[in-house]
Amino acid sequence: MKIDDKDVELLKATQDGLPIVREPYAAVGEKIGMSESEVIQRLRGMLDAGVVRRVGVTLAHRNAGFAANALIAWLVPKDRLDDAGNSLATRPEVTHCYARKPAPGWPYNLYTMIHGKSRAECDSLIREMSKEVNVGEFVVLYSARELKKTSFRIHS
């Protein structure tokens, strides 16, 4: 799918979130000169084509009581990487899951991000995850503080 100027305008109008009103798609459409049905149709088309991955709610995890988050770098045998990644990606605690090529001096090839109410809760989840995929070699990196958190942005 090739996106057109109207799609770009729609993406810009929604990238900061939908308005919290009774008919958010109508409100977005009114702002950019589209009908509610055109907004929905265009978003659905971009979802179906994979241009937009999802339309959803973003949880401010710290405000919701999730004080700890950890990036886990896993060392997974190459022949088990897809299976381990797919298994971990289905866990509700995992918000990000990526396979990466190892770097010199850093052999880890699978990365997951989890969130918990405490480090102890995260540590428990990590032990479960390790057992689930039978991977014992990993490094846990806890966030010290959040410096920036944004989604991809379209700039003018």
C-alpha atoms as a PDB file:
ATOM      1  CA  MET A   1       0.000   0.000   0.000  1.00  0.00           C
ATOM      2  CA  LYS A   2       1.267   3.432  -0.877  1.00  0.00           C
ATOM      3  CA  ILE A   3       0.022   6.062   1.530  1.00  0.00           C
ATOM      4  CA  ASP A   4      -1.178   9.365   0.145  1.00  0.00           C
ATOM      5  CA  ASP A   5      -1.196  12.912   1.528  1.00  0.00           C
ATOM      6  CA  LYS A   6      -4.559  12.363   3.252  1.00  0.00           C
ATOM      7  CA  ASP A   7      -3.171   9.281   5.023  1.00  0.00           C
ATOM      8  CA  VAL A   8      -0.159  11.282   6.215  1.00  0.00           C
ATOM      9  CA  GLU A   9      -2.477  14.035   7.459  1.00  0.00           C
ATOM     10  CA  LEU A  10      -4.536  11.426   9.319  1.00  0.00           C
ATOM     11  CA  LEU A  11      -1.434   9.874  10.870  1.00  0.00           C
ATOM     12  CA  LYS A  12      -0.231  13.289  12.026  1.00  0.00           C
ATOM     13  CA  ALA A  13      -3.661  14.060  13.492  1.00  0.00           C
ATOM     14  CA  THR A  14      -3.717  10.814  15.492  1.00  0.00           C
ATOM     15  CA  GLN A  15      -0.082  10.328  16.481  1.00  0.00           C
ATOM     16  CA  ASP A  16      -0.625  12.102  19.818  1.00  0.00           C
ATOM     17  CA  GLY A  17      -3.665   9.949  20.503  1.00  0.00           C
ATOM     18  CA  LEU A  18      -7.362  10.095  19.817  1.00  0.00           C
ATOM     19  CA  PRO A  19      -9.435  12.717  21.594  1.00  0.00           C
ATOM     20  CA  ILE A  20     -11.307  11.442  24.617  1.00  0.00           C
ATOM     21  CA  VAL A  21     -14.795  12.148  23.337  1.00  0.00           C
ATOM     22  CA  ARG A  22     -17.861  10.089  22.516  1.00  0.00           C
ATOM     23  CA  GLU A  23     -16.985   9.853  18.794  1.00  0.00           C
ATOM     24  CA  PRO A  24     -13.193  10.209  18.494  1.00  0.00           C
ATOM     25  CA  TYR A  25     -12.980   9.273  14.796  1.00  0.00           C
ATOM     26  CA  ALA A  26     -15.592  11.891  13.924  1.00  0.00           C
ATOM     27  CA  ALA A  27     -13.676  14.509  15.932  1.00  0.00           C
ATOM     28  CA  VAL A  28     -10.435  13.671  14.114  1.00  0.00           C
ATOM     29  CA  GLY A  29     -12.226  13.772  10.786  1.00  0.00           C
ATOM     30  CA  GLU A  30     -13.759  17.150  11.537  1.00  0.00           C
ATOM     31  CA  LYS A  31     -10.312  18.509  12.385  1.00  0.00           C
ATOM     32  CA  ILE A  32      -8.792  17.404   9.062  1.00  0.00           C
ATOM     33  CA  GLY A  33     -11.762  17.563   6.704  1.00  0.00           C
ATOM     34  CA  MET A  34     -12.739  13.887   6.523  1.00  0.00           C
ATOM     35  CA  SER A  35     -15.894  12.071   7.460  1.00  0.00           C
ATOM     36  CA  GLU A  36     -15.869   9.668  10.375  1.00  0.00           C
ATOM     37  CA  SER A  37     -16.311   6.755   7.945  1.00  0.00           C
ATOM     38  CA  GLU A  38     -13.333   7.899   5.831  1.00  0.00           C
ATOM     39  CA  VAL A  39     -11.130   8.123   8.940  1.00  0.00           C
ATOM     40  CA  ILE A  40     -12.129   4.610   9.964  1.00  0.00           C
ATOM     41  CA  GLN A  41     -11.766   3.274   6.411  1.00  0.00           C
ATOM     42  CA  ARG A  42      -8.290   4.783   5.985  1.00  0.00           C
ATOM     43  CA  LEU A  43      -7.083   3.567   9.389  1.00  0.00           C
ATOM     44  CA  ARG A  44      -8.473   0.093   8.690  1.00  0.00           C
ATOM     45  CA  GLY A  45      -6.713   0.060   5.295  1.00  0.00           C
ATOM     46  CA  MET A  46      -3.399   1.065   6.871  1.00  0.00           C
ATOM     47  CA  LEU A  47      -3.857  -1.598   9.568  1.00  0.00           C
ATOM     48  CA  ASP A  48      -4.644  -4.280   6.994  1.00  0.00           C
ATOM     49  CA  ALA A  49      -1.610  -3.272   4.909  1.00  0.00           C
ATOM     50  CA  GLY A  50       0.688  -3.259   7.941  1.00  0.00           C
ATOM     51  CA  VAL A  51       1.463   0.461   7.620  1.00  0.00           C
ATOM     52  CA  VAL A  52      -0.092   0.946  11.066  1.00  0.00           C
ATOM     53  CA  ARG A  53       0.535  -1.891  13.479  1.00  0.00           C
ATOM     54  CA  ARG A  54      -2.301  -1.154  15.877  1.00  0.00           C
ATOM     55  CA  VAL A  55      -4.653   1.456  17.244  1.00  0.00           C
ATOM     56  CA  GLY A  56      -4.822   1.172  20.997  1.00  0.00           C
ATOM     57  CA  VAL A  57      -4.388   2.654  24.415  1.00  0.00           C
ATOM     58  CA  THR A  58      -0.932   3.370  25.827  1.00  0.00           C
ATOM     59  CA  LEU A  59      -0.593   2.697  29.526  1.00  0.00           C
ATOM     60  CA  ALA A  60       1.491   5.143  31.558  1.00  0.00           C
ATOM     61  CA  HIS A  61       2.965   2.199  33.437  1.00  0.00           C
ATOM     62  CA  ARG A  62       4.580   4.172  36.265  1.00  0.00           C
ATOM     63  CA  ASN A  63       1.328   6.035  36.954  1.00  0.00           C
ATOM     64  CA  ALA A  64      -0.470   2.679  37.041  1.00  0.00           C
ATOM     65  CA  GLY A  65       1.848   1.334  39.754  1.00  0.00           C
ATOM     66  CA  PHE A  66       4.386  -0.534  37.635  1.00  0.00           C
ATOM     67  CA  ALA A  67       7.529   0.912  39.237  1.00  0.00           C
ATOM     68  CA  ALA A  68      10.061  -1.556  37.830  1.00  0.00           C
ATOM     69  CA  ASN A  69      10.918  -2.372  34.266  1.00  0.00           C
ATOM     70  CA  ALA A  70      13.703  -4.515  32.956  1.00  0.00           C
ATOM     71  CA  LEU A  71      15.332  -5.214  29.644  1.00  0.00           C
ATOM     72  CA  ILE A  72      16.473  -8.814  29.496  1.00  0.00           C
ATOM     73  CA  ALA A  73      19.198  -9.695  27.004  1.00  0.00           C
ATOM     74  CA  TRP A  74      19.066 -13.439  26.326  1.00  0.00           C
ATOM     75  CA  LEU A  75      21.727 -15.678  24.798  1.00  0.00           C
ATOM     76  CA  VAL A  76      19.668 -18.149  22.784  1.00  0.00           C
ATOM     77  CA  PRO A  77      21.122 -20.829  20.480  1.00  0.00           C
ATOM     78  CA  LYS A  78      20.498 -19.763  16.869  1.00  0.00           C
ATOM     79  CA  ASP A  79      18.417 -22.853  16.102  1.00  0.00           C
ATOM     80  CA  ARG A  80      16.037 -22.007  18.983  1.00  0.00           C
ATOM     81  CA  LEU A  81      15.861 -18.238  18.523  1.00  0.00           C
ATOM     82  CA  ASP A  82      12.515 -18.095  16.691  1.00  0.00           C
ATOM     83  CA  ASP A  83      10.826 -20.545  19.064  1.00  0.00           C
ATOM     84  CA  ALA A  84      12.107 -18.764  22.179  1.00  0.00           C
ATOM     85  CA  GLY A  85      11.234 -15.331  20.790  1.00  0.00           C
ATOM     86  CA  ASN A  86       7.742 -16.378  19.755  1.00  0.00           C
ATOM     87  CA  SER A  87       7.132 -17.993  23.135  1.00  0.00           C
ATOM     88  CA  LEU A  88       8.289 -14.980  25.142  1.00  0.00           C
ATOM     89  CA  ALA A  89       6.450 -12.544  22.860  1.00  0.00           C
ATOM     90  CA  THR A  90       3.113 -14.149  23.795  1.00  0.00           C
ATOM     91  CA  ARG A  91       3.562 -13.424  27.506  1.00  0.00           C
ATOM     92  CA  PRO A  92       1.379 -10.551  28.709  1.00  0.00           C
ATOM     93  CA  GLU A  93       4.250  -9.081  30.764  1.00  0.00           C
ATOM     94  CA  VAL A  94       6.455  -8.708  27.684  1.00  0.00           C
ATOM     95  CA  THR A  95       5.897  -5.380  25.934  1.00  0.00           C
ATOM     96  CA  HIS A  96       8.795  -5.592  23.478  1.00  0.00           C
ATOM     97  CA  CYS A  97      10.553  -8.609  22.016  1.00  0.00           C
ATOM     98  CA  TYR A  98      13.336  -8.325  19.424  1.00  0.00           C
ATOM     99  CA  ALA A  99      15.952 -10.586  17.889  1.00  0.00           C
ATOM    100  CA  ARG A 100      19.267  -8.848  17.193  1.00  0.00           C
ATOM    101  CA  LYS A 101      22.640  -9.888  15.830  1.00  0.00           C
ATOM    102  CA  PRO A 102      25.260 -10.264  18.566  1.00  0.00           C
ATOM    103  CA  ALA A 103      27.936  -7.577  18.753  1.00  0.00           C
ATOM    104  CA  PRO A 104      31.636  -8.054  19.481  1.00  0.00           C
ATOM    105  CA  GLY A 105      31.935  -8.686  23.214  1.00  0.00           C
ATOM    106  CA  TRP A 106      28.147  -8.843  23.608  1.00  0.00           C
ATOM    107  CA  PRO A 107      26.786 -12.266  22.558  1.00  0.00           C
ATOM    108  CA  TYR A 108      23.105 -11.696  23.373  1.00  0.00           C
ATOM    109  CA  ASN A 109      20.649 -12.115  20.517  1.00  0.00           C
ATOM    110  CA  LEU A 110      17.122 -11.843  21.996  1.00  0.00           C
ATOM    111  CA  TYR A 111      15.756  -8.914  23.976  1.00  0.00           C
ATOM    112  CA  THR A 112      12.566  -8.602  25.989  1.00  0.00           C
ATOM    113  CA  MET A 113      11.156  -5.732  28.042  1.00  0.00           C
ATOM    114  CA  ILE A 114       8.949  -6.443  31.022  1.00  0.00           C
ATOM    115  CA  HIS A 115       7.196  -4.283  33.608  1.00  0.00           C
ATOM    116  CA  GLY A 116       6.317  -5.145  37.197  1.00  0.00           C
ATOM    117  CA  LYS A 117       5.251  -3.542  40.433  1.00  0.00           C
ATOM    118  CA  SER A 118       8.693  -4.216  41.941  1.00  0.00           C
ATOM    119  CA  ARG A 119      12.108  -5.612  41.084  1.00  0.00           C
ATOM    120  CA  ALA A 120      11.224  -8.730  43.050  1.00  0.00           C
ATOM    121  CA  GLU A 121       8.168  -9.259  40.846  1.00  0.00           C
ATOM    122  CA  CYS A 122      10.279  -8.761  37.719  1.00  0.00           C
ATOM    123  CA  ASP A 123      12.946 -11.163  39.034  1.00  0.00           C
ATOM    124  CA  SER A 124      10.265 -13.796  39.589  1.00  0.00           C
ATOM    125  CA  LEU A 125       8.893 -13.275  36.065  1.00  0.00           C
ATOM    126  CA  ILE A 126      12.379 -13.536  34.592  1.00  0.00           C
ATOM    127  CA  ARG A 127      12.962 -16.861  36.370  1.00  0.00           C
ATOM    128  CA  GLU A 128       9.649 -18.151  34.944  1.00  0.00           C
ATOM    129  CA  MET A 129      10.563 -16.938  31.470  1.00  0.00           C
ATOM    130  CA  SER A 130      13.993 -18.538  31.676  1.00  0.00           C
ATOM    131  CA  LYS A 131      12.465 -21.893  32.593  1.00  0.00           C
ATOM    132  CA  GLU A 132       9.777 -21.572  29.925  1.00  0.00           C
ATOM    133  CA  VAL A 133      12.289 -21.200  27.081  1.00  0.00           C
ATOM    134  CA  ASN A 134      15.075 -23.209  28.759  1.00  0.00           C
ATOM    135  CA  VAL A 135      17.597 -20.374  28.460  1.00  0.00           C
ATOM    136  CA  GLY A 136      19.845 -19.798  31.448  1.00  0.00           C
ATOM    137  CA  GLU A 137      22.239 -17.239  30.030  1.00  0.00           C
ATOM    138  CA  PHE A 138      20.866 -13.700  30.225  1.00  0.00           C
ATOM    139  CA  VAL A 139      21.589 -10.245  31.588  1.00  0.00           C
ATOM    140  CA  VAL A 140      18.973  -8.065  33.274  1.00  0.00           C
ATOM    141  CA  LEU A 141      19.176  -4.305  32.851  1.00  0.00           C
ATOM    142  CA  TYR A 142      16.826  -2.363  35.127  1.00  0.00           C
ATOM    143  CA  SER A 143      15.866   1.178  34.197  1.00  0.00           C
ATOM    144  CA  ALA A 144      17.294   3.804  36.524  1.00  0.00           C
ATOM    145  CA  ARG A 145      15.009   6.570  35.255  1.00  0.00           C
ATOM    146  CA  GLU A 146      12.992   7.416  32.170  1.00  0.00           C
ATOM    147  CA  LEU A 147      14.670  10.038  30.008  1.00  0.00           C
ATOM    148  CA  LYS A 148      12.373   9.964  26.986  1.00  0.00           C
ATOM    149  CA  LYS A 149       9.449   7.889  25.852  1.00  0.00           C
ATOM    150  CA  THR A 150       7.739   8.573  22.570  1.00  0.00           C
ATOM    151  CA  SER A 151       6.337   6.696  19.636  1.00  0.00           C
ATOM    152  CA  PHE A 152       7.451   7.144  16.055  1.00  0.00           C
ATOM    153  CA  ARG A 153       6.555  10.630  14.855  1.00  0.00           C
ATOM    154  CA  ILE A 154       5.811  12.051  11.420  1.00  0.00           C
ATOM    155  CA  HIS A 155       7.406  15.477  11.106  1.00  0.00           C
ATOM    156  CA  SER A 156       6.389  18.172   8.666  1.00  0.00           C
END
